[in-house]
Each structure stands twice: as C-alpha cells, then as structure tokens.
Amino acid sequence: MRDIKLGNFEELVLLLVGVLYHQAYSVKIVEEYQKQTGKKINISAIHTVLYRLEEKGFLESRLSESTGERGGKRKRLFYLTPYASKALDELTTLREQLRYQIPAQALNWKKG
C-alpha cells in the first residue's frame, strides 16, 4: 500500500474511468462526474488528472476510430491498468477497515 500514491480526486477519476469502461474519454468523464456528484468541473482539470494518472501507470490510453458524429475526430479513450485495479482494491479495503474501527459513539457527535 505504501507505494500507491493517489489523491482523493485521482481516485474518483479512476473510479469514473472504470464506470465508463469503453466510453471513458474526457467529455464523458466530465458528464459522469457531474451526474454522480452533482458538481460541475472544468474539462481541463479532468485532462490534467487523466494524464497524470497515465504517467503514474494507473491508466492507459488509446485513440478511438474516427466517427462521423465528431466530424471525424478521434477520441482518446482511457482504461484502467492492473495497477489501478490493485490500488482501488487496497484503498477500498483500507477505508473499510478504518471505518469499522470507529466506535459508534464517535459517529453520534452532539454539540456541546
């Protein structure tokens, strides 16, 4: 686990890439982010994170075939790597382990 360095936003983008699977390109990721979180995000923020995750080995990308719907432009599709799968599994396990160690009283916080 020590060698996995992921910020919260990076983890969220990895999850979105997984959810979108064969349709994980920047515009779709922005749309899915807004759908899932109810928050808006700038496409340049998504681009930055996608390329950073690719550099770290969590994602691979390929250009799609050209389509008529985008005037022949190809989309850069992103895919999870086995390293991303391992990281997401480990992070989920760690979060669950920590969450279930929190005593019930700590979650029933009362002011004052």
PDB file of N, CA and C in Angstrom:
ATOM      1  N   MET A   1       0.817  -1.197   0.000  1.00  0.00           N
ATOM      2  CA  MET A   1       0.000   0.000   0.000  1.00  0.00           C
ATOM      3  C   MET A   1       0.859   1.258   0.000  1.00  0.00           C
ATOM      4  N   ARG A   2       2.027   1.183   0.580  1.00  0.00           N
ATOM      5  CA  ARG A   2       2.870   2.380   0.708  1.00  0.00           C
ATOM      6  C   ARG A   2       3.276   2.978  -0.631  1.00  0.00           C
ATOM      7  N   ASP A   3       3.394   2.153  -1.656  1.00  0.00           N
ATOM      8  CA  ASP A   3       3.848   2.664  -2.948  1.00  0.00           C
ATOM      9  C   ASP A   3       2.716   3.265  -3.778  1.00  0.00           C
ATOM     10  N   ILE A   4       1.483   3.161  -3.310  1.00  0.00           N
ATOM     11  CA  ILE A   4       0.346   3.715  -4.048  1.00  0.00           C
ATOM     12  C   ILE A   4       0.098   5.139  -3.569  1.00  0.00           C
ATOM     13  N   LYS A   5       0.317   6.078  -4.479  1.00  0.00           N
ATOM     14  CA  LYS A   5       0.124   7.487  -4.148  1.00  0.00           C
ATOM     15  C   LYS A   5      -0.999   8.043  -5.012  1.00  0.00           C
ATOM     16  N   LEU A   6      -2.160   8.190  -4.394  1.00  0.00           N
ATOM     17  CA  LEU A   6      -3.342   8.684  -5.090  1.00  0.00           C
ATOM     18  C   LEU A   6      -4.053   9.705  -4.214  1.00  0.00           C
ATOM     19  N   GLY A   7      -4.388  10.840  -4.788  1.00  0.00           N
ATOM     20  CA  GLY A   7      -5.219  11.802  -4.091  1.00  0.00           C
ATOM     21  C   GLY A   7      -6.681  11.403  -4.223  1.00  0.00           C
ATOM     22  N   ASN A   8      -7.536  12.031  -3.434  1.00  0.00           N
ATOM     23  CA  ASN A   8      -8.964  11.711  -3.479  1.00  0.00           C
ATOM     24  C   ASN A   8      -9.561  11.942  -4.865  1.00  0.00           C
ATOM     25  N   PHE A   9      -9.209  13.061  -5.482  1.00  0.00           N
ATOM     26  CA  PHE A   9      -9.749  13.366  -6.804  1.00  0.00           C
ATOM     27  C   PHE A   9      -9.234  12.373  -7.839  1.00  0.00           C
ATOM     28  N   GLU A  10      -7.971  11.994  -7.728  1.00  0.00           N
ATOM     29  CA  GLU A  10      -7.409  10.998  -8.636  1.00  0.00           C
ATOM     30  C   GLU A  10      -8.159   9.669  -8.494  1.00  0.00           C
ATOM     31  N   GLU A  11      -8.429   9.288  -7.253  1.00  0.00           N
ATOM     32  CA  GLU A  11      -9.163   8.045  -7.013  1.00  0.00           C
ATOM     33  C   GLU A  11     -10.556   8.119  -7.631  1.00  0.00           C
ATOM     34  N   LEU A  12     -11.220   9.248  -7.476  1.00  0.00           N
ATOM     35  CA  LEU A  12     -12.542   9.428  -8.047  1.00  0.00           C
ATOM     36  C   LEU A  12     -12.506   9.328  -9.577  1.00  0.00           C
ATOM     37  N   VAL A  13     -11.514   9.926 -10.192  1.00  0.00           N
ATOM     38  CA  VAL A  13     -11.390   9.851 -11.652  1.00  0.00           C
ATOM     39  C   VAL A  13     -11.132   8.406 -12.086  1.00  0.00           C
ATOM     40  N   LEU A  14     -10.311   7.676 -11.358  1.00  0.00           N
ATOM     41  CA  LEU A  14     -10.103   6.253 -11.683  1.00  0.00           C
ATOM     42  C   LEU A  14     -11.421   5.487 -11.628  1.00  0.00           C
ATOM     43  N   LEU A  15     -12.202   5.740 -10.600  1.00  0.00           N
ATOM     44  CA  LEU A  15     -13.489   5.074 -10.470  1.00  0.00           C
ATOM     45  C   LEU A  15     -14.411   5.419 -11.641  1.00  0.00           C
ATOM     46  N   LEU A  16     -14.412   6.674 -12.047  1.00  0.00           N
ATOM     47  CA  LEU A  16     -15.240   7.100 -13.182  1.00  0.00           C
ATOM     48  C   LEU A  16     -14.786   6.444 -14.482  1.00  0.00           C
ATOM     49  N   VAL A  17     -13.490   6.323 -14.670  1.00  0.00           N
ATOM     50  CA  VAL A  17     -12.966   5.634 -15.863  1.00  0.00           C
ATOM     51  C   VAL A  17     -13.456   4.190 -15.865  1.00  0.00           C
ATOM     52  N   GLY A  18     -13.431   3.555 -14.716  1.00  0.00           N
ATOM     53  CA  GLY A  18     -13.926   2.187 -14.618  1.00  0.00           C
ATOM     54  C   GLY A  18     -15.412   2.093 -14.903  1.00  0.00           C
ATOM     55  N   VAL A  19     -16.190   3.017 -14.375  1.00  0.00           N
ATOM     56  CA  VAL A  19     -17.637   3.026 -14.595  1.00  0.00           C
ATOM     57  C   VAL A  19     -17.946   3.186 -16.080  1.00  0.00           C
ATOM     58  N   LEU A  20     -17.221   4.068 -16.744  1.00  0.00           N
ATOM     59  CA  LEU A  20     -17.479   4.347 -18.160  1.00  0.00           C
ATOM     60  C   LEU A  20     -16.878   3.305 -19.099  1.00  0.00           C
ATOM     61  N   TYR A  21     -15.895   2.578 -18.635  1.00  0.00           N
ATOM     62  CA  TYR A  21     -15.231   1.498 -19.351  1.00  0.00           C
ATOM     63  C   TYR A  21     -14.853   1.890 -20.772  1.00  0.00           C
ATOM     64  N   HIS A  22     -15.532   1.414 -21.791  1.00  0.00           N
ATOM     65  CA  HIS A  22     -15.139   1.695 -23.182  1.00  0.00           C
ATOM     66  C   HIS A  22     -15.550   3.078 -23.677  1.00  0.00           C
ATOM     67  N   GLN A  23     -16.151   3.872 -22.810  1.00  0.00           N
ATOM     68  CA  GLN A  23     -16.550   5.221 -23.195  1.00  0.00           C
ATOM     69  C   GLN A  23     -15.853   6.266 -22.333  1.00  0.00           C
ATOM     70  N   ALA A  24     -14.736   5.921 -21.732  1.00  0.00           N
ATOM     71  CA  ALA A  24     -14.047   6.819 -20.811  1.00  0.00           C
ATOM     72  C   ALA A  24     -13.134   7.782 -21.570  1.00  0.00           C
ATOM     73  N   TYR A  25     -13.714   8.868 -22.042  1.00  0.00           N
ATOM     74  CA  TYR A  25     -12.932   9.955 -22.622  1.00  0.00           C
ATOM     75  C   TYR A  25     -13.334  11.224 -21.887  1.00  0.00           C
ATOM     76  N   SER A  26     -12.553  12.267 -22.009  1.00  0.00           N
ATOM     77  CA  SER A  26     -12.667  13.433 -21.129  1.00  0.00           C
ATOM     78  C   SER A  26     -14.073  14.017 -21.039  1.00  0.00           C
ATOM     79  N   VAL A  27     -14.752  14.222 -22.146  1.00  0.00           N
ATOM     80  CA  VAL A  27     -16.089  14.832 -22.108  1.00  0.00           C
ATOM     81  C   VAL A  27     -17.057  13.939 -21.346  1.00  0.00           C
ATOM     82  N   LYS A  28     -17.022  12.644 -21.611  1.00  0.00           N
ATOM     83  CA  LYS A  28     -17.897  11.700 -20.906  1.00  0.00           C
ATOM     84  C   LYS A  28     -17.575  11.648 -19.417  1.00  0.00           C
ATOM     85  N   ILE A  29     -16.295  11.737 -19.073  1.00  0.00           N
ATOM     86  CA  ILE A  29     -15.893  11.710 -17.668  1.00  0.00           C
ATOM     87  C   ILE A  29     -16.437  12.944 -16.956  1.00  0.00           C
ATOM     88  N   VAL A  30     -16.360  14.108 -17.596  1.00  0.00           N
ATOM     89  CA  VAL A  30     -16.928  15.334 -17.020  1.00  0.00           C
ATOM     90  C   VAL A  30     -18.426  15.153 -16.790  1.00  0.00           C
ATOM     91  N   GLU A  31     -19.130  14.633 -17.787  1.00  0.00           N
ATOM     92  CA  GLU A  31     -20.577  14.420 -17.666  1.00  0.00           C
ATOM     93  C   GLU A  31     -20.904  13.451 -16.528  1.00  0.00           C
ATOM     94  N   GLU A  32     -20.150  12.368 -16.449  1.00  0.00           N
ATOM     95  CA  GLU A  32     -20.399  11.363 -15.407  1.00  0.00           C
ATOM     96  C   GLU A  32     -20.072  11.928 -14.026  1.00  0.00           C
ATOM     97  N   TYR A  33     -19.013  12.723 -13.933  1.00  0.00           N
ATOM     98  CA  TYR A  33     -18.654  13.370 -12.670  1.00  0.00           C
ATOM     99  C   TYR A  33     -19.822  14.239 -12.196  1.00  0.00           C
ATOM    100  N   GLN A  34     -20.360  15.051 -13.101  1.00  0.00           N
ATOM    101  CA  GLN A  34     -21.468  15.939 -12.746  1.00  0.00           C
ATOM    102  C   GLN A  34     -22.714  15.138 -12.362  1.00  0.00           C
ATOM    103  N   LYS A  35     -22.961  14.062 -13.086  1.00  0.00           N
ATOM    104  CA  LYS A  35     -24.111  13.196 -12.791  1.00  0.00           C
ATOM    105  C   LYS A  35     -23.974  12.547 -11.417  1.00  0.00           C
ATOM    106  N   GLN A  36     -22.793  12.018 -11.125  1.00  0.00           N
ATOM    107  CA  GLN A  36     -22.578  11.272  -9.881  1.00  0.00           C
ATOM    108  C   GLN A  36     -22.447  12.173  -8.648  1.00  0.00           C
ATOM    109  N   THR A  37     -21.842  13.352  -8.813  1.00  0.00           N
ATOM    110  CA  THR A  37     -21.574  14.211  -7.654  1.00  0.00           C
ATOM    111  C   THR A  37     -22.508  15.408  -7.543  1.00  0.00           C
ATOM    112  N   GLY A  38     -23.147  15.765  -8.649  1.00  0.00           N
ATOM    113  CA  GLY A  38     -23.976  16.967  -8.649  1.00  0.00           C
ATOM    114  C   GLY A  38     -23.160  18.246  -8.711  1.00  0.00           C
ATOM    115  N   LYS A  39     -21.868  18.126  -8.968  1.00  0.00           N
ATOM    116  CA  LYS A  39     -20.967  19.281  -9.023  1.00  0.00           C
ATOM    117  C   LYS A  39     -20.426  19.457 -10.430  1.00  0.00           C
ATOM    118  N   LYS A  40     -20.145  20.704 -10.772  1.00  0.00           N
ATOM    119  CA  LYS A  40     -19.532  20.982 -12.070  1.00  0.00           C
ATOM    120  C   LYS A  40     -18.016  20.905 -11.949  1.00  0.00           C
ATOM    121  N   ILE A  41     -17.388  20.584 -13.064  1.00  0.00           N
ATOM    122  CA  ILE A  41     -15.933  20.527 -13.101  1.00  0.00           C
ATOM    123  C   ILE A  41     -15.451  20.973 -14.468  1.00  0.00           C
ATOM    124  N   ASN A  42     -14.309  21.579 -14.484  1.00  0.00           N
ATOM    125  CA  ASN A  42     -13.709  22.062 -15.717  1.00  0.00           C
ATOM    126  C   ASN A  42     -13.022  20.898 -16.432  1.00  0.00           C
ATOM    127  N   ILE A  43     -13.197  20.824 -17.727  1.00  0.00           N
ATOM    128  CA  ILE A  43     -12.607  19.722 -18.503  1.00  0.00           C
ATOM    129  C   ILE A  43     -11.081  19.729 -18.412  1.00  0.00           C
ATOM    130  N   SER A  44     -10.475  20.902 -18.251  1.00  0.00           N
ATOM    131  CA  SER A  44      -9.012  20.943 -18.146  1.00  0.00           C
ATOM    132  C   SER A  44      -8.534  20.265 -16.861  1.00  0.00           C
ATOM    133  N   ALA A  45      -9.336  20.317 -15.808  1.00  0.00           N
ATOM    134  CA  ALA A  45      -8.977  19.616 -14.565  1.00  0.00           C
ATOM    135  C   ALA A  45      -8.975  18.110 -14.800  1.00  0.00           C
ATOM    136  N   ILE A  46      -9.953  17.633 -15.561  1.00  0.00           N
ATOM    137  CA  ILE A  46     -10.015  16.205 -15.893  1.00  0.00           C
ATOM    138  C   ILE A  46      -8.825  15.814 -16.758  1.00  0.00           C
ATOM    139  N   HIS A  47      -8.513  16.628 -17.777  1.00  0.00           N
ATOM    140  CA  HIS A  47      -7.352  16.331 -18.631  1.00  0.00           C
ATOM    141  C   HIS A  47      -6.079  16.213 -17.803  1.00  0.00           C
ATOM    142  N   THR A  48      -5.870  17.167 -16.917  1.00  0.00           N
ATOM    143  CA  THR A  48      -4.669  17.168 -16.075  1.00  0.00           C
ATOM    144  C   THR A  48      -4.558  15.875 -15.285  1.00  0.00           C
ATOM    145  N   VAL A  49      -5.655  15.473 -14.652  1.00  0.00           N
ATOM    146  CA  VAL A  49      -5.629  14.268 -13.821  1.00  0.00           C
ATOM    147  C   VAL A  49      -5.473  13.012 -14.669  1.00  0.00           C
ATOM    148  N   LEU A  50      -6.160  12.947 -15.801  1.00  0.00           N
ATOM    149  CA  LEU A  50      -6.035  11.769 -16.662  1.00  0.00           C
ATOM    150  C   LEU A  50      -4.586  11.541 -17.093  1.00  0.00           C
ATOM    151  N   TYR A  51      -3.930  12.602 -17.531  1.00  0.00           N
ATOM    152  CA  TYR A  51      -2.543  12.444 -17.993  1.00  0.00           C
ATOM    153  C   TYR A  51      -1.590  12.150 -16.840  1.00  0.00           C
ATOM    154  N   ARG A  52      -1.872  12.727 -15.673  1.00  0.00           N
ATOM    155  CA  ARG A  52      -1.041  12.426 -14.500  1.00  0.00           C
ATOM    156  C   ARG A  52      -1.211  10.956 -14.105  1.00  0.00           C
ATOM    157  N   LEU A  53      -2.443  10.463 -14.120  1.00  0.00           N
ATOM    158  CA  LEU A  53      -2.687   9.060 -13.789  1.00  0.00           C
ATOM    159  C   LEU A  53      -2.055   8.115 -14.810  1.00  0.00           C
ATOM    160  N   GLU A  54      -2.031   8.544 -16.052  1.00  0.00           N
ATOM    161  CA  GLU A  54      -1.363   7.739 -17.078  1.00  0.00           C
ATOM    162  C   GLU A  54       0.141   7.699 -16.817  1.00  0.00           C
ATOM    163  N   GLU A  55       0.724   8.829 -16.457  1.00  0.00           N
ATOM    164  CA  GLU A  55       2.162   8.872 -16.144  1.00  0.00           C
ATOM    165  C   GLU A  55       2.504   7.993 -14.951  1.00  0.00           C
ATOM    166  N   LYS A  56       1.613   7.927 -13.981  1.00  0.00           N
ATOM    167  CA  LYS A  56       1.840   7.122 -12.778  1.00  0.00           C
ATOM    168  C   LYS A  56       1.598   5.629 -13.015  1.00  0.00           C
ATOM    169  N   GLY A  57       1.037   5.272 -14.184  1.00  0.00           N
ATOM    170  CA  GLY A  57       0.811   3.869 -14.504  1.00  0.00           C
ATOM    171  C   GLY A  57      -0.561   3.337 -14.138  1.00  0.00           C
ATOM    172  N   PHE A  58      -1.478   4.213 -13.718  1.00  0.00           N
ATOM    173  CA  PHE A  58      -2.822   3.777 -13.350  1.00  0.00           C
ATOM    174  C   PHE A  58      -3.754   3.664 -14.558  1.00  0.00           C
ATOM    175  N   LEU A  59      -3.442   4.393 -15.626  1.00  0.00           N
ATOM    176  CA  LEU A  59      -4.274   4.394 -16.819  1.00  0.00           C
ATOM    177  C   LEU A  59      -3.440   4.162 -18.066  1.00  0.00           C
ATOM    178  N   GLU A  60      -4.084   3.619 -19.081  1.00  0.00           N
ATOM    179  CA  GLU A  60      -3.530   3.558 -20.433  1.00  0.00           C
ATOM    180  C   GLU A  60      -4.531   4.264 -21.321  1.00  0.00           C
ATOM    181  N   SER A  61      -4.061   4.814 -22.427  1.00  0.00           N
ATOM    182  CA  SER A  61      -4.999   5.455 -23.345  1.00  0.00           C
ATOM    183  C   SER A  61      -4.727   5.028 -24.774  1.00  0.00           C
ATOM    184  N   ARG A  62      -5.778   5.087 -25.565  1.00  0.00           N
ATOM    185  CA  ARG A  62      -5.700   4.782 -26.997  1.00  0.00           C
ATOM    186  C   ARG A  62      -6.639   5.721 -27.732  1.00  0.00           C
ATOM    187  N   LEU A  63      -6.320   5.987 -28.981  1.00  0.00           N
ATOM    188  CA  LEU A  63      -7.229   6.775 -29.801  1.00  0.00           C
ATOM    189  C   LEU A  63      -8.285   5.852 -30.391  1.00  0.00           C
ATOM    190  N   SER A  64      -9.524   6.316 -30.367  1.00  0.00           N
ATOM    191  CA  SER A  64     -10.619   5.530 -30.941  1.00  0.00           C
ATOM    192  C   SER A  64     -10.616   5.695 -32.454  1.00  0.00           C
ATOM    193  N   GLU A  65     -11.465   4.944 -33.087  1.00  0.00           N
ATOM    194  CA  GLU A  65     -11.669   5.121 -34.524  1.00  0.00           C
ATOM    195  C   GLU A  65     -12.408   6.439 -34.738  1.00  0.00           C
ATOM    196  N   SER A  66     -12.204   7.046 -35.882  1.00  0.00           N
ATOM    197  CA  SER A  66     -12.917   8.294 -36.161  1.00  0.00           C
ATOM    198  C   SER A  66     -14.392   7.996 -36.414  1.00  0.00           C
ATOM    199  N   THR A  67     -15.224   8.955 -36.016  1.00  0.00           N
ATOM    200  CA  THR A  67     -16.659   8.801 -36.201  1.00  0.00           C
ATOM    201  C   THR A  67     -17.216  10.032 -36.892  1.00  0.00           C
ATOM    202  N   GLY A  68     -18.338   9.869 -37.536  1.00  0.00           N
ATOM    203  CA  GLY A  68     -18.984  10.977 -38.212  1.00  0.00           C
ATOM    204  C   GLY A  68     -19.572  11.996 -37.255  1.00  0.00           C
ATOM    205  N   GLU A  69     -19.913  11.548 -36.043  1.00  0.00           N
ATOM    206  CA  GLU A  69     -20.576  12.437 -35.095  1.00  0.00           C
ATOM    207  C   GLU A  69     -19.680  13.562 -34.595  1.00  0.00           C
ATOM    208  N   ARG A  70     -18.391  13.400 -34.651  1.00  0.00           N
ATOM    209  CA  ARG A  70     -17.480  14.439 -34.184  1.00  0.00           C
ATOM    210  C   ARG A  70     -16.683  15.020 -35.343  1.00  0.00           C
ATOM    211  N   GLY A  71     -17.211  14.938 -36.524  1.00  0.00           N
ATOM    212  CA  GLY A  71     -16.504  15.470 -37.677  1.00  0.00           C
ATOM    213  C   GLY A  71     -15.230  14.715 -37.991  1.00  0.00           C
ATOM    214  N   GLY A  72     -15.200  13.436 -37.643  1.00  0.00           N
ATOM    215  CA  GLY A  72     -14.047  12.612 -37.946  1.00  0.00           C
ATOM    216  C   GLY A  72     -12.969  12.625 -36.872  1.00  0.00           C
ATOM    217  N   LYS A  73     -13.151  13.447 -35.828  1.00  0.00           N
ATOM    218  CA  LYS A  73     -12.139  13.492 -34.758  1.00  0.00           C
ATOM    219  C   LYS A  73     -12.168  12.207 -33.941  1.00  0.00           C
ATOM    220  N   ARG A  74     -10.996  11.765 -33.588  1.00  0.00           N
ATOM    221  CA  ARG A  74     -10.865  10.566 -32.758  1.00  0.00           C
ATOM    222  C   ARG A  74     -10.837  10.971 -31.290  1.00  0.00           C
ATOM    223  N   LYS A  75     -11.381  10.126 -30.443  1.00  0.00           N
ATOM    224  CA  LYS A  75     -11.393  10.369 -29.001  1.00  0.00           C
ATOM    225  C   LYS A  75     -10.227   9.619 -28.365  1.00  0.00           C
ATOM    226  N   ARG A  76      -9.645  10.206 -27.335  1.00  0.00           N
ATOM    227  CA  ARG A  76      -8.648   9.489 -26.543  1.00  0.00           C
ATOM    228  C   ARG A  76      -9.394   8.781 -25.425  1.00  0.00           C
ATOM    229  N   LEU A  77      -9.422   7.457 -25.497  1.00  0.00           N
ATOM    230  CA  LEU A  77     -10.106   6.634 -24.503  1.00  0.00           C
ATOM    231  C   LEU A  77      -9.114   6.171 -23.444  1.00  0.00           C
ATOM    232  N   PHE A  78      -9.565   6.170 -22.209  1.00  0.00           N
ATOM    233  CA  PHE A  78      -8.718   5.776 -21.086  1.00  0.00           C
ATOM    234  C   PHE A  78      -9.225   4.476 -20.482  1.00  0.00           C
ATOM    235  N   TYR A  79      -8.281   3.643 -20.067  1.00  0.00           N
ATOM    236  CA  TYR A  79      -8.583   2.335 -19.493  1.00  0.00           C
ATOM    237  C   TYR A  79      -7.773   2.131 -18.223  1.00  0.00           C
ATOM    238  N   LEU A  80      -8.376   1.441 -17.255  1.00  0.00           N
ATOM    239  CA  LEU A  80      -7.674   1.103 -16.024  1.00  0.00           C
ATOM    240  C   LEU A  80      -6.604   0.052 -16.309  1.00  0.00           C
ATOM    241  N   THR A  81      -5.474   0.184 -15.642  1.00  0.00           N
ATOM    242  CA  THR A  81      -4.431  -0.827 -15.724  1.00  0.00           C
ATOM    243  C   THR A  81      -4.592  -1.801 -14.546  1.00  0.00           C
ATOM    244  N   PRO A  82      -3.906  -2.927 -14.579  1.00  0.00           N
ATOM    245  CA  PRO A  82      -3.930  -3.825 -13.419  1.00  0.00           C
ATOM    246  C   PRO A  82      -3.452  -3.123 -12.136  1.00  0.00           C
ATOM    247  N   TYR A  83      -2.512  -2.207 -12.269  1.00  0.00           N
ATOM    248  CA  TYR A  83      -2.027  -1.430 -11.124  1.00  0.00           C
ATOM    249  C   TYR A  83      -3.159  -0.602 -10.523  1.00  0.00           C
ATOM    250  N   ALA A  84      -4.009  -0.019 -11.365  1.00  0.00           N
ATOM    251  CA  ALA A  84      -5.156   0.758 -10.885  1.00  0.00           C
ATOM    252  C   ALA A  84      -6.125  -0.146 -10.136  1.00  0.00           C
ATOM    253  N   SER A  85      -6.371  -1.322 -10.676  1.00  0.00           N
ATOM    254  CA  SER A  85      -7.270  -2.269 -10.025  1.00  0.00           C
ATOM    255  C   SER A  85      -6.756  -2.643  -8.641  1.00  0.00           C
ATOM    256  N   LYS A  86      -5.468  -2.920  -8.559  1.00  0.00           N
ATOM    257  CA  LYS A  86      -4.844  -3.265  -7.272  1.00  0.00           C
ATOM    258  C   LYS A  86      -4.957  -2.093  -6.303  1.00  0.00           C
ATOM    259  N   ALA A  87      -4.675  -0.895  -6.784  1.00  0.00           N
ATOM    260  CA  ALA A  87      -4.733   0.297  -5.928  1.00  0.00           C
ATOM    261  C   ALA A  87      -6.149   0.530  -5.409  1.00  0.00           C
ATOM    262  N   LEU A  88      -7.145   0.433  -6.287  1.00  0.00           N
ATOM    263  CA  LEU A  88      -8.529   0.643  -5.863  1.00  0.00           C
ATOM    264  C   LEU A  88      -8.963  -0.410  -4.848  1.00  0.00           C
ATOM    265  N   ASP A  89      -8.563  -1.655  -5.075  1.00  0.00           N
ATOM    266  CA  ASP A  89      -8.884  -2.724  -4.112  1.00  0.00           C
ATOM    267  C   ASP A  89      -8.261  -2.438  -2.752  1.00  0.00           C
ATOM    268  N   GLU A  90      -6.978  -2.067  -2.750  1.00  0.00           N
ATOM    269  CA  GLU A  90      -6.286  -1.808  -1.493  1.00  0.00           C
ATOM    270  C   GLU A  90      -6.863  -0.596  -0.769  1.00  0.00           C
ATOM    271  N   LEU A  91      -7.171   0.448  -1.505  1.00  0.00           N
ATOM    272  CA  LEU A  91      -7.749   1.645  -0.884  1.00  0.00           C
ATOM    273  C   LEU A  91      -9.132   1.365  -0.309  1.00  0.00           C
ATOM    274  N   THR A  92      -9.934   0.591  -1.026  1.00  0.00           N
ATOM    275  CA  THR A  92     -11.264   0.234  -0.537  1.00  0.00           C
ATOM    276  C   THR A  92     -11.157  -0.586   0.736  1.00  0.00           C
ATOM    277  N   THR A  93     -10.257  -1.558   0.747  1.00  0.00           N
ATOM    278  CA  THR A  93     -10.057  -2.400   1.931  1.00  0.00           C
ATOM    279  C   THR A  93      -9.607  -1.558   3.119  1.00  0.00           C
ATOM    280  N   LEU A  94      -8.641  -0.690   2.899  1.00  0.00           N
ATOM    281  CA  LEU A  94      -8.147   0.162   3.982  1.00  0.00           C
ATOM    282  C   LEU A  94      -9.254   1.058   4.526  1.00  0.00           C
ATOM    283  N   ARG A  95     -10.005   1.693   3.649  1.00  0.00           N
ATOM    284  CA  ARG A  95     -11.099   2.570   4.095  1.00  0.00           C
ATOM    285  C   ARG A  95     -12.129   1.795   4.903  1.00  0.00           C
ATOM    286  N   GLU A  96     -12.483   0.598   4.437  1.00  0.00           N
ATOM    287  CA  GLU A  96     -13.464  -0.216   5.158  1.00  0.00           C
ATOM    288  C   GLU A  96     -12.928  -0.632   6.528  1.00  0.00           C
ATOM    289  N   GLN A  97     -11.656  -1.038   6.582  1.00  0.00           N
ATOM    290  CA  GLN A  97     -11.065  -1.438   7.863  1.00  0.00           C
ATOM    291  C   GLN A  97     -11.085  -0.279   8.853  1.00  0.00           C
ATOM    292  N   LEU A  98     -10.710   0.893   8.394  1.00  0.00           N
ATOM    293  CA  LEU A  98     -10.697   2.057   9.272  1.00  0.00           C
ATOM    294  C   LEU A  98     -12.107   2.464   9.677  1.00  0.00           C
ATOM    295  N   ARG A  99     -13.027   2.455   8.733  1.00  0.00           N
ATOM    296  CA  ARG A  99     -14.410   2.855   9.014  1.00  0.00           C
ATOM    297  C   ARG A  99     -15.024   1.981  10.094  1.00  0.00           C
ATOM    298  N   TYR A 100     -14.805   0.680  10.043  1.00  0.00           N
ATOM    299  CA  TYR A 100     -15.414  -0.223  11.008  1.00  0.00           C
ATOM    300  C   TYR A 100     -14.699  -0.236  12.363  1.00  0.00           C
ATOM    301  N   GLN A 101     -13.580   0.462  12.466  1.00  0.00           N
ATOM    302  CA  GLN A 101     -12.910   0.612  13.757  1.00  0.00           C
ATOM    303  C   GLN A 101     -13.417   1.830  14.522  1.00  0.00           C
ATOM    304  N   ILE A 102     -14.183   2.676  13.876  1.00  0.00           N
ATOM    305  CA  ILE A 102     -14.698   3.877  14.530  1.00  0.00           C
ATOM    306  C   ILE A 102     -15.818   3.456  15.484  1.00  0.00           C
ATOM    307  N   PRO A 103     -15.681   3.801  16.761  1.00  0.00           N
ATOM    308  CA  PRO A 103     -16.746   3.445  17.702  1.00  0.00           C
ATOM    309  C   PRO A 103     -18.035   4.208  17.369  1.00  0.00           C
ATOM    310  N   ALA A 104     -19.162   3.576  17.637  1.00  0.00           N
ATOM    311  CA  ALA A 104     -20.462   4.186  17.334  1.00  0.00           C
ATOM    312  C   ALA A 104     -20.595   5.556  17.999  1.00  0.00           C
ATOM    313  N   GLN A 105     -20.059   5.696  19.205  1.00  0.00           N
ATOM    314  CA  GLN A 105     -20.160   6.969  19.919  1.00  0.00           C
ATOM    315  C   GLN A 105     -19.482   8.096  19.148  1.00  0.00           C
ATOM    316  N   ALA A 106     -18.419   7.770  18.443  1.00  0.00           N
ATOM    317  CA  ALA A 106     -17.695   8.797  17.687  1.00  0.00           C
ATOM    318  C   ALA A 106     -18.524   9.311  16.522  1.00  0.00           C
ATOM    319  N   LEU A 107     -19.472   8.515  16.059  1.00  0.00           N
ATOM    320  CA  LEU A 107     -20.315   8.912  14.943  1.00  0.00           C
ATOM    321  C   LEU A 107     -21.599   9.613  15.394  1.00  0.00           C
ATOM    322  N   ASN A 108     -21.873   9.548  16.677  1.00  0.00           N
ATOM    323  CA  ASN A 108     -23.064  10.209  17.236  1.00  0.00           C
ATOM    324  C   ASN A 108     -22.680  11.489  17.938  1.00  0.00           C
ATOM    325  N   TRP A 109     -21.970  12.315  17.240  1.00  0.00           N
ATOM    326  CA  TRP A 109     -21.460  13.560  17.802  1.00  0.00           C
ATOM    327  C   TRP A 109     -22.593  14.505  18.120  1.00  0.00           C
ATOM    328  N   LYS A 110     -22.525  15.068  19.328  1.00  0.00           N
ATOM    329  CA  LYS A 110     -23.517  16.045  19.753  1.00  0.00           C
ATOM    330  C   LYS A 110     -22.796  17.299  20.185  1.00  0.00           C
ATOM    331  N   LYS A 111     -23.293  18.413  19.715  1.00  0.00           N
ATOM    332  CA  LYS A 111     -22.698  19.686  20.052  1.00  0.00           C
ATOM    333  C   LYS A 111     -22.912  19.983  21.521  1.00  0.00           C
ATOM    334  N   GLY A 112     -21.847  20.361  22.180  1.00  0.00           N
ATOM    335  CA  GLY A 112     -21.878  20.879  23.421  1.00  0.00           C
ATOM    336  C   GLY A 112     -21.932  20.524  24.724  1.00  0.00           C
TER     337      GLY A 112
END
